[in-house]
Amino acid sequence: MRLKKKLLHKLLRHAEENANGQRLPAPEFEEYEEMEVNYHIGLCYEAGFLHVHIGEPMPGADIRMYQIRNLTWKGHLELEEKKFACRA
């Protein structure tokens, strides 16, 4: 699967606006498939941008489902950097 930076940014913004430490289901974005969103939540977790709850693998697949808990310090910094770059 290809890295979609726009989706990563949307996920960070979604976490900033909605996450409160409780398990937040993966958001639904019209332009992205559920598996793309889930994959990119996993990438955000691996990069240290999000705290997530990692679920059991889906039946018949080696793909885990993630639930967003909140942004990490690194995630906040990444999001602020993107906001600043958009203003420049």
C-alpha atoms as a PDB file:
ATOM      1  CA  MET A   1       0.000   0.000   0.000  1.00  0.00           C
ATOM      2  CA  ARG A   2       1.285   3.481  -0.822  1.00  0.00           C
ATOM      3  CA  LEU A   3       1.928   6.195   1.729  1.00  0.00           C
ATOM      4  CA  LYS A   4      -0.653   8.977   1.478  1.00  0.00           C
ATOM      5  CA  LYS A   5       0.641  12.027   3.333  1.00  0.00           C
ATOM      6  CA  LYS A   6      -2.654  13.866   2.957  1.00  0.00           C
ATOM      7  CA  LEU A   7      -4.403  11.023   4.785  1.00  0.00           C
ATOM      8  CA  LEU A   8      -1.777  11.070   7.553  1.00  0.00           C
ATOM      9  CA  HIS A   9      -2.423  14.777   8.061  1.00  0.00           C
ATOM     10  CA  LYS A  10      -6.203  14.235   8.096  1.00  0.00           C
ATOM     11  CA  LEU A  11      -5.787  11.550  10.765  1.00  0.00           C
ATOM     12  CA  LEU A  12      -3.674  13.834  12.954  1.00  0.00           C
ATOM     13  CA  ARG A  13      -6.220  16.646  12.614  1.00  0.00           C
ATOM     14  CA  HIS A  14      -9.034  14.205  13.412  1.00  0.00           C
ATOM     15  CA  ALA A  15      -7.193  13.039  16.536  1.00  0.00           C
ATOM     16  CA  GLU A  16      -6.534  16.623  17.643  1.00  0.00           C
ATOM     17  CA  GLU A  17     -10.209  17.541  17.278  1.00  0.00           C
ATOM     18  CA  ASN A  18     -11.830  14.360  18.626  1.00  0.00           C
ATOM     19  CA  ALA A  19      -9.507  12.163  20.688  1.00  0.00           C
ATOM     20  CA  ASN A  20      -9.753  12.415  24.473  1.00  0.00           C
ATOM     21  CA  GLY A  21      -7.890   9.332  25.670  1.00  0.00           C
ATOM     22  CA  GLN A  22     -10.861   7.029  25.119  1.00  0.00           C
ATOM     23  CA  ARG A  23     -10.855   4.549  22.247  1.00  0.00           C
ATOM     24  CA  LEU A  24     -11.940   6.410  19.137  1.00  0.00           C
ATOM     25  CA  PRO A  25     -12.931   4.237  16.162  1.00  0.00           C
ATOM     26  CA  ALA A  26     -11.125   4.819  12.902  1.00  0.00           C
ATOM     27  CA  PRO A  27     -12.688   7.789  11.112  1.00  0.00           C
ATOM     28  CA  GLU A  28     -14.492   7.364   7.823  1.00  0.00           C
ATOM     29  CA  PHE A  29     -13.268   9.551   4.985  1.00  0.00           C
ATOM     30  CA  GLU A  30     -15.247   9.461   1.745  1.00  0.00           C
ATOM     31  CA  GLU A  31     -12.177   9.455  -0.461  1.00  0.00           C
ATOM     32  CA  TYR A  32     -10.370   6.571   1.336  1.00  0.00           C
ATOM     33  CA  GLU A  33     -11.150   2.890   1.869  1.00  0.00           C
ATOM     34  CA  GLU A  34     -11.430   1.562   5.426  1.00  0.00           C
ATOM     35  CA  MET A  35      -8.257  -0.522   5.053  1.00  0.00           C
ATOM     36  CA  GLU A  36      -6.282   2.509   3.808  1.00  0.00           C
ATOM     37  CA  VAL A  37      -7.361   4.503   6.851  1.00  0.00           C
ATOM     38  CA  ASN A  38      -6.519   1.655   9.218  1.00  0.00           C
ATOM     39  CA  TYR A  39      -3.128   1.119   7.565  1.00  0.00           C
ATOM     40  CA  HIS A  40      -2.280   4.809   7.938  1.00  0.00           C
ATOM     41  CA  ILE A  41      -3.355   4.854  11.597  1.00  0.00           C
ATOM     42  CA  GLY A  42      -0.829   2.045  12.044  1.00  0.00           C
ATOM     43  CA  LEU A  43       1.823   4.134  10.289  1.00  0.00           C
ATOM     44  CA  CYS A  44       1.052   7.106  12.558  1.00  0.00           C
ATOM     45  CA  TYR A  45       1.463   4.785  15.534  1.00  0.00           C
ATOM     46  CA  GLU A  46       4.774   3.410  14.221  1.00  0.00           C
ATOM     47  CA  ALA A  47       6.023   6.964  13.601  1.00  0.00           C
ATOM     48  CA  GLY A  48       5.147   7.936  17.171  1.00  0.00           C
ATOM     49  CA  PHE A  49       2.413  10.419  16.197  1.00  0.00           C
ATOM     50  CA  LEU A  50      -0.544   8.639  17.830  1.00  0.00           C
ATOM     51  CA  HIS A  51      -1.329   6.606  20.927  1.00  0.00           C
ATOM     52  CA  VAL A  52      -3.625   3.810  19.762  1.00  0.00           C
ATOM     53  CA  HIS A  53      -5.366   0.689  20.987  1.00  0.00           C
ATOM     54  CA  ILE A  54      -4.333  -2.262  18.845  1.00  0.00           C
ATOM     55  CA  GLY A  55      -7.106  -4.771  18.237  1.00  0.00           C
ATOM     56  CA  GLU A  56      -6.972  -8.417  17.277  1.00  0.00           C
ATOM     57  CA  PRO A  57      -6.243  -9.308  13.639  1.00  0.00           C
ATOM     58  CA  MET A  58      -9.258  -9.379  11.351  1.00  0.00           C
ATOM     59  CA  PRO A  59     -10.493 -12.917  10.569  1.00  0.00           C
ATOM     60  CA  GLY A  60      -8.753 -14.296   7.502  1.00  0.00           C
ATOM     61  CA  ALA A  61      -6.297 -11.399   7.324  1.00  0.00           C
ATOM     62  CA  ASP A  62      -3.088 -10.376   9.002  1.00  0.00           C
ATOM     63  CA  ILE A  63      -4.332  -6.822   9.475  1.00  0.00           C
ATOM     64  CA  ARG A  64      -4.979  -5.384  12.906  1.00  0.00           C
ATOM     65  CA  MET A  65      -7.623  -2.769  13.574  1.00  0.00           C
ATOM     66  CA  TYR A  66      -6.557   0.355  15.430  1.00  0.00           C
ATOM     67  CA  GLN A  67      -8.504   2.753  17.619  1.00  0.00           C
ATOM     68  CA  ILE A  68      -7.068   6.221  18.204  1.00  0.00           C
ATOM     69  CA  ARG A  69      -6.561   7.288  21.830  1.00  0.00           C
ATOM     70  CA  ASN A  70      -4.805  10.654  21.370  1.00  0.00           C
ATOM     71  CA  LEU A  71      -1.951  12.558  19.771  1.00  0.00           C
ATOM     72  CA  THR A  72       1.551  12.151  21.148  1.00  0.00           C
ATOM     73  CA  TRP A  73       3.891  15.085  21.736  1.00  0.00           C
ATOM     74  CA  LYS A  74       5.537  14.229  18.417  1.00  0.00           C
ATOM     75  CA  GLY A  75       2.112  14.144  16.748  1.00  0.00           C
ATOM     76  CA  HIS A  76       1.282  17.623  18.043  1.00  0.00           C
ATOM     77  CA  LEU A  77       4.607  18.941  16.741  1.00  0.00           C
ATOM     78  CA  GLU A  78       4.063  17.342  13.320  1.00  0.00           C
ATOM     79  CA  LEU A  79       0.592  18.844  13.075  1.00  0.00           C
ATOM     80  CA  GLU A  80       1.812  22.306  14.113  1.00  0.00           C
ATOM     81  CA  GLU A  81       4.619  22.105  11.562  1.00  0.00           C
ATOM     82  CA  LYS A  82       2.079  21.344   8.813  1.00  0.00           C
ATOM     83  CA  LYS A  83      -0.165  24.223   9.933  1.00  0.00           C
ATOM     84  CA  PHE A  84       2.801  26.601   9.944  1.00  0.00           C
ATOM     85  CA  ALA A  85       3.931  25.439   6.484  1.00  0.00           C
ATOM     86  CA  CYS A  86       0.423  26.097   5.113  1.00  0.00           C
ATOM     87  CA  ARG A  87       0.505  29.689   6.401  1.00  0.00           C
ATOM     88  CA  ALA A  88       3.922  30.476   4.902  1.00  0.00           C
END
